Amino acid sequence: MVVDVTGLTGRVINRFAVDGTTVYGVGDSGAYRLDAHSKWELLSSEVPSGIESLVMSNDRLYVGTQDRGMFHISLEAQIDIANAF
């Protein structure tokens, strides 16, 4: 578990997945990617509560939840945005 406290708001990331040298994390506040400066970059704030698992496959993060099934976050658009800068 990683806890990042910024000001008065805290962020807990308690599920992780690795793809090569890229680390992804998810918690009740969203899905994140660890950037080259060792800071968590928000990929999506739309993450349901009760996260049980996180898997990276084919440019997608799959998130399994306790009560709300499974959903995915497409990373293809995120990668395109990162490469634009």
C-alpha atoms as a PDB file:
ATOM      1  CA  MET A   1       0.000   0.000   0.000  1.00  0.00           C
ATOM      2  CA  VAL A   2       1.227   3.481  -0.888  1.00  0.00           C
ATOM      3  CA  VAL A   3      -0.148   6.528   0.879  1.00  0.00           C
ATOM      4  CA  ASP A   4       0.512   9.950  -0.632  1.00  0.00           C
ATOM      5  CA  VAL A   5      -0.588  12.914   1.440  1.00  0.00           C
ATOM      6  CA  THR A   6      -0.798  16.280  -0.293  1.00  0.00           C
ATOM      7  CA  GLY A   7      -2.177  19.146   1.765  1.00  0.00           C
ATOM      8  CA  LEU A   8      -5.390  18.005   3.405  1.00  0.00           C
ATOM      9  CA  THR A   9      -6.248  15.313   0.867  1.00  0.00           C
ATOM     10  CA  GLY A  10      -4.819  11.821   1.059  1.00  0.00           C
ATOM     11  CA  ARG A  11      -4.573   9.199  -1.653  1.00  0.00           C
ATOM     12  CA  VAL A  12      -4.275   5.472  -1.009  1.00  0.00           C
ATOM     13  CA  ILE A  13      -3.101   3.148  -3.778  1.00  0.00           C
ATOM     14  CA  ASN A  14      -3.500  -0.459  -2.725  1.00  0.00           C
ATOM     15  CA  ARG A  15      -3.451  -2.558  -5.911  1.00  0.00           C
ATOM     16  CA  PHE A  16      -0.555  -2.586  -8.378  1.00  0.00           C
ATOM     17  CA  ALA A  17       0.294  -3.926 -11.837  1.00  0.00           C
ATOM     18  CA  VAL A  18       3.567  -3.729 -13.765  1.00  0.00           C
ATOM     19  CA  ASP A  19       4.100  -3.638 -17.527  1.00  0.00           C
ATOM     20  CA  GLY A  20       7.808  -3.660 -18.335  1.00  0.00           C
ATOM     21  CA  THR A  21       9.197  -0.701 -16.386  1.00  0.00           C
ATOM     22  CA  THR A  22       5.837   1.042 -15.930  1.00  0.00           C
ATOM     23  CA  VAL A  23       3.998   0.737 -12.614  1.00  0.00           C
ATOM     24  CA  TYR A  24       0.232   1.210 -12.411  1.00  0.00           C
ATOM     25  CA  GLY A  25      -1.802   1.541  -9.239  1.00  0.00           C
ATOM     26  CA  VAL A  26      -5.441   1.805  -8.299  1.00  0.00           C
ATOM     27  CA  GLY A  27      -7.310   2.791  -5.159  1.00  0.00           C
ATOM     28  CA  ASP A  28     -10.697   4.184  -4.235  1.00  0.00           C
ATOM     29  CA  SER A  29      -9.661   7.640  -5.499  1.00  0.00           C
ATOM     30  CA  GLY A  30      -8.661   6.536  -9.021  1.00  0.00           C
ATOM     31  CA  ALA A  31      -6.249   4.740 -11.319  1.00  0.00           C
ATOM     32  CA  TYR A  32      -2.669   6.014 -11.601  1.00  0.00           C
ATOM     33  CA  ARG A  33       0.610   5.521 -13.460  1.00  0.00           C
ATOM     34  CA  LEU A  34       3.981   6.191 -11.832  1.00  0.00           C
ATOM     35  CA  ASP A  35       5.739   8.731 -14.061  1.00  0.00           C
ATOM     36  CA  ALA A  36       9.448   9.199 -14.802  1.00  0.00           C
ATOM     37  CA  HIS A  37       9.709  11.632 -11.859  1.00  0.00           C
ATOM     38  CA  SER A  38       8.335   9.071  -9.372  1.00  0.00           C
ATOM     39  CA  LYS A  39       5.016  10.913  -9.089  1.00  0.00           C
ATOM     40  CA  TRP A  40       1.617   9.288  -9.482  1.00  0.00           C
ATOM     41  CA  GLU A  41      -0.200  10.545 -12.600  1.00  0.00           C
ATOM     42  CA  LEU A  42      -4.007  10.254 -12.495  1.00  0.00           C
ATOM     43  CA  LEU A  43      -5.348   8.173 -15.397  1.00  0.00           C
ATOM     44  CA  SER A  44      -8.983   8.004 -14.312  1.00  0.00           C
ATOM     45  CA  SER A  45     -10.886   9.222 -11.287  1.00  0.00           C
ATOM     46  CA  GLU A  46     -13.884   7.048 -12.188  1.00  0.00           C
ATOM     47  CA  VAL A  47     -13.091   3.934 -10.182  1.00  0.00           C
ATOM     48  CA  PRO A  48     -15.716   2.106  -8.102  1.00  0.00           C
ATOM     49  CA  SER A  49     -15.040   1.181  -4.492  1.00  0.00           C
ATOM     50  CA  GLY A  50     -14.164  -2.310  -3.289  1.00  0.00           C
ATOM     51  CA  ILE A  51     -11.247  -2.949  -5.655  1.00  0.00           C
ATOM     52  CA  GLU A  52      -9.933  -6.505  -5.403  1.00  0.00           C
ATOM     53  CA  SER A  53      -7.498  -6.839  -8.331  1.00  0.00           C
ATOM     54  CA  LEU A  54      -5.627  -4.975 -11.059  1.00  0.00           C
ATOM     55  CA  VAL A  55      -4.215  -6.499 -14.260  1.00  0.00           C
ATOM     56  CA  MET A  56      -2.454  -4.874 -17.220  1.00  0.00           C
ATOM     57  CA  SER A  57      -3.006  -6.443 -20.657  1.00  0.00           C
ATOM     58  CA  ASN A  58      -3.059  -5.158 -24.257  1.00  0.00           C
ATOM     59  CA  ASP A  59      -2.868  -1.435 -23.355  1.00  0.00           C
ATOM     60  CA  ARG A  60      -5.710  -1.761 -20.857  1.00  0.00           C
ATOM     61  CA  LEU A  61      -5.956  -1.823 -17.091  1.00  0.00           C
ATOM     62  CA  TYR A  62      -8.550  -4.314 -15.892  1.00  0.00           C
ATOM     63  CA  VAL A  63      -9.970  -3.619 -12.444  1.00  0.00           C
ATOM     64  CA  GLY A  64     -11.904  -6.298 -10.568  1.00  0.00           C
ATOM     65  CA  THR A  65     -14.201  -5.137  -7.780  1.00  0.00           C
ATOM     66  CA  GLN A  66     -15.867  -6.843  -4.868  1.00  0.00           C
ATOM     67  CA  ASP A  67     -19.471  -5.937  -5.724  1.00  0.00           C
ATOM     68  CA  ARG A  68     -19.472  -4.135  -9.077  1.00  0.00           C
ATOM     69  CA  GLY A  69     -17.848  -6.628 -11.432  1.00  0.00           C
ATOM     70  CA  MET A  70     -14.926  -5.777 -13.664  1.00  0.00           C
ATOM     71  CA  PHE A  71     -14.173  -2.758 -15.821  1.00  0.00           C
ATOM     72  CA  HIS A  72     -11.238  -1.571 -17.909  1.00  0.00           C
ATOM     73  CA  ILE A  73      -9.393   1.656 -18.601  1.00  0.00           C
ATOM     74  CA  SER A  74      -7.922   2.060 -22.084  1.00  0.00           C
ATOM     75  CA  LEU A  75      -4.331   3.266 -21.907  1.00  0.00           C
ATOM     76  CA  GLU A  76      -3.949   3.789 -25.656  1.00  0.00           C
ATOM     77  CA  ALA A  77      -5.322   7.349 -25.479  1.00  0.00           C
ATOM     78  CA  GLN A  78      -3.241   8.030 -22.351  1.00  0.00           C
ATOM     79  CA  ILE A  79      -0.051   6.923 -24.134  1.00  0.00           C
ATOM     80  CA  ASP A  80      -0.846   9.123 -27.159  1.00  0.00           C
ATOM     81  CA  ILE A  81      -1.330  12.154 -24.895  1.00  0.00           C
ATOM     82  CA  ALA A  82       1.949  11.493 -23.033  1.00  0.00           C
ATOM     83  CA  ASN A  83       3.880  11.170 -26.302  1.00  0.00           C
ATOM     84  CA  ALA A  84       2.483  14.486 -27.578  1.00  0.00           C
ATOM     85  CA  PHE A  85       4.529  16.376 -24.995  1.00  0.00           C
END
